[in-house]
Protein backbone atom coordinates (compact mmCIF):
# COMPACT_ATOMS: atom_id res chain seq x y z
CA MET A 1 -32.44 -3.95 -25.55
CA ARG A 2 -29.23 -5.51 -26.87
CA SER A 3 -27.23 -2.35 -26.12
CA LYS A 4 -28.43 -2.40 -22.51
CA LEU A 5 -27.51 -6.07 -22.16
CA VAL A 6 -24.03 -5.32 -23.49
CA THR A 7 -23.69 -2.43 -21.01
CA VAL A 8 -24.74 -4.65 -18.10
CA ARG A 9 -22.23 -7.31 -19.11
CA LYS A 10 -19.44 -4.74 -19.33
CA VAL A 11 -20.26 -3.37 -15.89
CA LEU A 12 -20.38 -6.84 -14.34
CA SER A 13 -17.12 -7.87 -16.00
CA ARG A 14 -15.39 -4.78 -14.63
CA VAL A 15 -16.74 -5.41 -11.16
CA VAL A 16 -15.58 -9.03 -11.27
CA ALA A 17 -12.11 -7.92 -12.42
CA ALA A 18 -11.96 -5.41 -9.58
CA LEU A 19 -13.03 -8.11 -7.13
CA ALA A 20 -10.28 -10.44 -8.32
CA ALA A 21 -7.63 -7.72 -8.04
CA THR A 22 -8.86 -6.72 -4.59
CA LEU A 23 -8.78 -10.32 -3.43
CA VAL A 24 -5.18 -10.78 -4.58
CA VAL A 25 -4.04 -7.59 -2.86
CA SER A 26 -5.97 -8.33 0.32
CA LEU A 27 -4.42 -11.77 0.61
CA LEU A 28 -1.01 -10.13 0.64
CA LEU A 29 -1.90 -7.60 3.33
CA PRO A 30 -1.52 -9.86 6.38
CA VAL A 31 1.98 -10.86 5.28
CA ALA A 32 3.36 -7.32 4.94
CA PRO A 33 3.63 -6.35 8.64
CA ALA A 34 5.78 -9.39 9.46
CA SER A 35 8.80 -7.94 7.61
CA ALA A 36 9.05 -4.77 9.71
CA HIS A 37 11.20 -5.89 12.66
CA GLY A 38 14.20 -3.78 13.69
CA GLN A 39 13.42 -1.30 10.93
CA LEU A 40 14.95 2.10 10.34
CA ALA A 41 12.92 4.68 12.27
CA THR A 42 14.64 7.93 11.27
CA SER A 43 18.00 9.35 10.27
CA THR A 44 20.19 12.44 10.40
CA PRO A 45 20.08 13.75 7.74
CA LEU A 46 16.60 12.71 6.71
CA LYS A 47 16.01 10.99 3.40
CA GLY A 48 15.54 13.39 0.49
CA THR A 49 16.81 16.47 2.33
CA VAL A 50 19.62 18.88 1.42
CA VAL A 51 22.79 19.08 3.53
CA ARG A 52 24.69 22.37 3.33
CA GLU A 53 27.39 21.80 5.95
CA PRO A 54 29.95 18.96 6.07
CA LEU A 55 28.89 16.46 8.71
CA ALA A 56 31.38 14.36 10.65
CA GLN A 57 28.86 11.54 11.10
CA LEU A 58 25.54 10.28 9.84
CA ALA A 59 23.08 8.82 12.36
CA LEU A 60 20.74 5.97 11.41
CA TYR A 61 18.17 5.21 14.14
CA PHE A 62 16.60 1.75 14.35
CA THR A 63 13.88 0.32 16.59
CA GLU A 64 16.51 -1.94 18.16
CA LYS A 65 20.30 -2.01 18.29
CA PRO A 66 21.86 -3.08 14.99
CA ALA A 67 23.78 -6.35 14.97
CA SER A 68 27.41 -6.06 16.01
CA ASN A 69 28.52 -7.15 12.53
CA ALA A 70 26.09 -4.85 10.69
CA HIS A 71 27.41 -3.26 7.50
CA PHE A 72 27.15 0.46 6.64
CA ALA A 73 28.47 2.30 3.60
CA ILE A 74 28.24 5.87 2.25
CA SER A 75 28.76 6.52 -1.46
CA GLY A 76 29.40 9.89 -3.09
CA PRO A 77 28.14 11.27 -6.42
CA ASP A 78 30.75 9.31 -8.39
CA GLY A 79 29.98 6.05 -6.56
CA SER A 80 33.16 6.01 -4.46
CA ARG A 81 32.79 5.31 -0.75
CA VAL A 82 33.47 7.98 1.85
CA ASP A 83 32.53 6.09 5.06
CA ASN A 84 35.14 5.42 7.72
CA GLY A 85 33.60 2.90 10.14
CA TRP A 86 30.65 3.07 12.51
CA SER A 87 29.81 2.79 16.21
CA TYR A 88 26.79 2.68 18.50
CA GLY A 89 25.34 5.98 19.67
CA GLU A 90 23.13 7.14 22.50
CA PRO A 91 19.48 6.07 22.14
CA LYS A 92 16.94 8.86 21.86
CA ARG A 93 13.16 9.16 22.07
CA LEU A 94 11.58 9.24 18.64
CA ASP A 95 9.47 12.21 17.60
CA LYS A 96 7.05 9.78 15.96
CA PRO A 97 6.65 6.24 17.36
CA VAL A 98 7.10 3.30 15.01
CA THR A 99 4.68 0.34 14.89
CA GLU A 100 5.97 -3.17 14.26
CA TYR A 101 4.00 -6.42 14.12
CA PHE A 102 4.73 -9.80 15.69
CA MET A 103 2.91 -13.08 15.11
CA VAL A 104 1.45 -14.44 18.36
CA ASP A 105 -0.73 -17.57 18.21
CA GLY A 106 -1.61 -16.95 14.57
CA VAL A 107 -2.50 -13.29 15.10
CA PHE A 108 -0.40 -10.20 14.29
CA GLU A 109 0.06 -8.09 17.41
CA PRO A 110 1.24 -4.47 16.95
CA ARG A 111 3.95 -3.11 19.22
CA LEU A 112 4.70 0.57 19.46
CA TYR A 113 8.37 1.62 19.70
CA HIS A 114 9.29 5.04 21.10
CA THR A 115 13.09 4.72 21.22
CA GLY A 116 15.59 4.90 18.38
CA PHE A 117 18.95 3.12 18.62
CA PRO A 118 21.54 4.79 16.38
CA ALA A 119 24.40 3.58 14.29
CA MET A 120 26.84 6.50 13.92
CA VAL A 121 28.59 6.23 10.55
CA THR A 122 31.71 8.36 10.19
CA VAL A 123 32.17 10.40 7.00
CA ALA A 124 35.85 10.66 6.01
CA HIS A 125 35.35 13.63 3.65
CA TRP A 126 32.94 15.33 1.26
CA PRO A 127 34.61 15.23 -2.15
CA ALA A 128 31.91 17.01 -4.19
CA LYS A 129 28.37 18.30 -4.28
CA GLY A 130 25.63 15.98 -5.40
CA ARG A 131 23.68 12.89 -4.38
CA TYR A 132 24.98 10.74 -1.51
CA THR A 133 23.65 7.33 -0.46
CA ALA A 134 23.96 5.70 2.95
CA SER A 135 23.19 1.97 2.76
CA TYR A 136 22.80 -0.47 5.63
CA LEU A 137 22.49 -4.22 6.21
CA SER A 138 21.80 -5.87 9.55
CA VAL A 139 19.80 -8.73 11.06
CA ALA A 140 17.04 -8.08 13.57
CA SER A 141 16.77 -9.93 16.88
CA ASP A 142 14.12 -12.22 15.37
CA GLY A 143 16.47 -13.23 12.55
CA GLU A 144 14.97 -11.10 9.77
CA ALA A 145 17.15 -9.06 7.43
CA VAL A 146 17.16 -5.28 7.87
CA ARG A 147 18.37 -3.52 4.76
CA GLY A 148 17.81 -0.29 2.89
CA GLU A 149 19.33 3.07 2.04
CA VAL A 150 18.99 6.78 2.75
CA THR A 151 19.71 9.25 -0.05
CA PHE A 152 20.22 13.00 0.28
CA ASP A 153 21.83 15.91 -1.58
CA TYR A 154 25.01 17.57 -0.38
CA GLN A 155 25.42 21.22 -1.37
CA GLY A 156 28.11 22.25 1.08
CA PRO A 157 31.80 22.93 0.59
CA GLY A 158 34.14 20.12 -0.40
CA THR A 159 36.54 18.72 2.17
CA ALA A 160 39.83 16.86 1.76
CA ALA A 161 40.34 13.25 2.74
CA PRO A 162 42.38 12.54 5.91
CA ALA A 163 46.07 11.85 5.46
CA GLY A 164 46.69 8.21 4.65
CA TRP A 165 43.00 7.41 4.29
CA SER A 166 41.82 5.17 1.47
CA ALA A 167 38.26 4.40 0.40
CA PRO A 168 37.01 1.15 1.96
CA THR A 169 36.25 -1.76 -0.33
CA ALA A 170 35.19 -4.45 2.13
CA GLY A 171 31.65 -5.77 1.84
CA PRO A 172 29.35 -7.25 4.48
CA ASP A 173 30.57 -10.03 6.74
CA PRO A 174 29.89 -13.48 5.18
CA ALA A 175 28.10 -14.61 8.35
CA LEU A 176 25.86 -11.53 8.16
CA LEU A 177 25.07 -12.25 4.52
CA ALA A 178 24.24 -15.87 5.35
CA GLN A 179 21.79 -14.77 8.05
CA ALA A 180 20.28 -12.06 5.86
CA GLU A 181 19.66 -14.58 3.08
CA GLY A 182 18.03 -17.04 5.49
CA GLU A 183 20.87 -19.54 5.53
CA GLY A 184 21.59 -19.12 9.22
CA SER A 185 19.53 -20.06 12.26
CA THR A 186 16.83 -17.44 11.83
CA SER A 187 13.61 -19.27 12.70
CA SER A 188 11.29 -17.84 15.31
CA GLY A 189 8.97 -19.72 17.63
CA ALA A 190 5.20 -19.75 17.46
CA THR A 191 5.00 -17.66 20.61
CA GLY A 192 6.27 -14.63 18.75
CA SER A 193 9.40 -14.19 20.88
CA PRO A 194 12.24 -12.96 18.67
CA VAL A 195 15.29 -15.17 18.23
CA ALA A 196 18.58 -13.32 18.51
CA PRO A 197 21.10 -13.67 15.63
CA SER A 198 24.54 -15.28 15.91
CA GLY A 199 23.33 -17.83 18.47
CA ALA A 200 22.69 -15.22 21.17
CA PRO A 201 19.96 -16.01 23.72
CA ALA A 202 16.47 -15.03 22.68
CA SER A 203 15.27 -11.86 24.32
CA GLU A 204 13.00 -8.92 23.71
CA PRO A 205 14.56 -6.14 21.62
CA ALA A 206 16.44 -3.43 23.47
CA GLY A 207 14.03 -0.79 24.64
CA ALA A 208 11.19 -3.26 24.97
CA ALA A 209 10.05 -1.42 28.10
CA GLU A 210 9.06 1.39 25.76
CA GLU A 211 6.61 -0.84 23.90
CA GLN A 212 2.86 -0.52 24.06
CA ARG A 213 0.98 -3.65 23.09
CA ASP A 214 -2.37 -3.05 21.48
CA GLY A 215 -5.08 -5.64 20.94
CA GLY A 216 -4.33 -8.04 18.13
CA PHE A 217 -6.60 -8.64 15.18
CA PRO A 218 -7.11 -11.78 13.08
CA ALA A 219 -4.96 -11.88 9.98
CA TRP A 220 -7.92 -12.89 7.80
CA LEU A 221 -10.25 -10.10 8.93
CA ILE A 222 -9.20 -7.40 6.43
CA PRO A 223 -9.39 -9.53 3.24
CA ALA A 224 -12.69 -11.07 4.40
CA LEU A 225 -14.28 -7.65 4.88
CA ILE A 226 -13.06 -6.47 1.48
CA VAL A 227 -14.37 -9.56 -0.31
CA VAL A 228 -17.77 -9.31 1.40
CA THR A 229 -18.11 -5.61 0.56
CA VAL A 230 -17.26 -6.06 -3.11
CA SER A 231 -19.55 -9.10 -3.37
CA VAL A 232 -22.49 -7.06 -2.05
CA ILE A 233 -21.78 -4.38 -4.67
CA VAL A 234 -21.79 -7.00 -7.44
CA VAL A 235 -25.10 -8.51 -6.27
CA VAL A 236 -26.81 -5.11 -5.97
CA ALA A 237 -25.61 -4.03 -9.42
CA ALA A 238 -26.79 -7.31 -10.98
CA ARG A 239 -30.25 -6.99 -9.43
CA ARG A 240 -30.82 -3.36 -10.33
CA ARG A 241 -30.12 -3.79 -14.04
CA PRO A 242 -32.89 -6.34 -14.81
CA ALA A 243 -35.39 -4.29 -12.77
CA VAL A 244 -34.74 -1.23 -14.89
CA ARG A 245 -34.92 -3.25 -18.09
CA GLY A 246 -38.26 -4.83 -17.05
CA ALA A 247 -39.74 -1.45 -16.14
CA SER A 248 -38.84 0.02 -19.49
CA THR A 249 -40.47 -2.91 -21.29
CA GLY A 250 -43.66 -2.51 -19.28
CA ASP A 251 -43.75 1.18 -20.04
CA ARG A 252 -43.58 0.53 -23.76
CA ARG A 253 -46.49 -1.98 -23.78
CA PRO A 254 -49.16 0.32 -22.29
CA ALA A 255 -48.03 2.97 -24.71
CA GLY A 256 -48.64 0.59 -27.63
CA ALA A 257 -52.07 -0.37 -26.26
CA ALA A 258 -52.95 3.26 -25.84
CA SER A 259 -51.95 4.00 -29.43
CA ARG A 260 -54.11 1.15 -30.68
CA GLY A 261 -56.98 2.41 -28.54
CA GLY A 262 -56.53 5.85 -29.99
CA ALA A 263 -56.65 4.47 -33.49
CA ALA A 264 -59.90 2.71 -32.68
CA THR A 265 -61.32 5.92 -31.30
CA ARG A 266 -60.44 7.75 -34.46
CA LYS A 267 -62.09 5.03 -36.58
CA SER A 268 -65.30 5.15 -34.54
CA GLY A 269 -65.42 8.88 -35.00
CA SER A 270 -65.20 8.65 -38.75
CA PRO A 271 -68.77 7.28 -39.34
CA THR A 272 -70.18 10.15 -37.30
CA ARG A 273 -68.57 12.64 -39.60
CA LYS A 274 -69.81 10.72 -42.66
CA THR A 275 -73.39 10.59 -41.31
CA GLY A 276 -73.33 14.29 -40.64
CA ASN A 277 -72.25 14.93 -44.21
CA ARG A 278 -75.06 12.82 -45.66
CA SER A 279 -77.73 14.44 -43.52
CA GLY A 280 -76.47 17.86 -44.37
CA GLY A 281 -76.33 17.19 -48.11
CA PRO A 282 -80.03 17.59 -48.96
CA ALA A 283 -80.26 20.72 -46.88
CA ARG A 284 -77.54 22.41 -48.89
CA ARG A 285 -79.16 21.31 -52.19
CA GLY A 286 -82.51 22.61 -51.03
CA ARG A 287 -81.08 26.07 -50.39
CA ARG A 288 -79.65 26.18 -53.86
């Protein structure tokens, strides 16, 4: 009995711990989509791939045009920079659409983006084989920071640096850093309309005609469903354990009564055998 009680307590404690962890994670879910504005959609080369020919430029495609003061850098295997400026490229249709979320009247609304807007980063030279990293920093039209990196392996031939070229050392523009860190005017209205950086008029991101707006869903719906589901599991597990324990106790009691009844039966049978012995005694002595 005690061992079963201990087992039930362990199971319930694990379920409660799982419920707490699920609740914490679920509360963070509605916040995650809000940080995906103006994100990187794809790149040439792709992250984690191997490049075997020296490329003149790297292309980083975003769901909207990068800010005019965006910062891009490419570092070689030894950490030295090999980038030589960047420029806007021709937009292209994405092979796989990208979904971003905007808050509208307290509800996250998904928007599907089909067009990629590239930043073409020039590569001055390829000094050696190994791991290269292309990093980027920009500010989306709603004022949120867009930052990250794309890493790939270069296994092509080495190329010489252009005459008179020197590795750049300049970092991001101070105004860009201020906006990325939230020190600039980066607040967005409750209507969900993005606010353009650097004081530009608010407008929909470039390529907004490509968007497809799906039906929104309440931000609290996912965590509520998870909490309800786990709570039902806890209640069912708690109810099943006592039922099994009660059934086992009931099974043992009839068994004990039956054993006592059997003992009584055996006792009642004993006098019969004794009587038979006494009646048969004189008969055996008579034969002798």
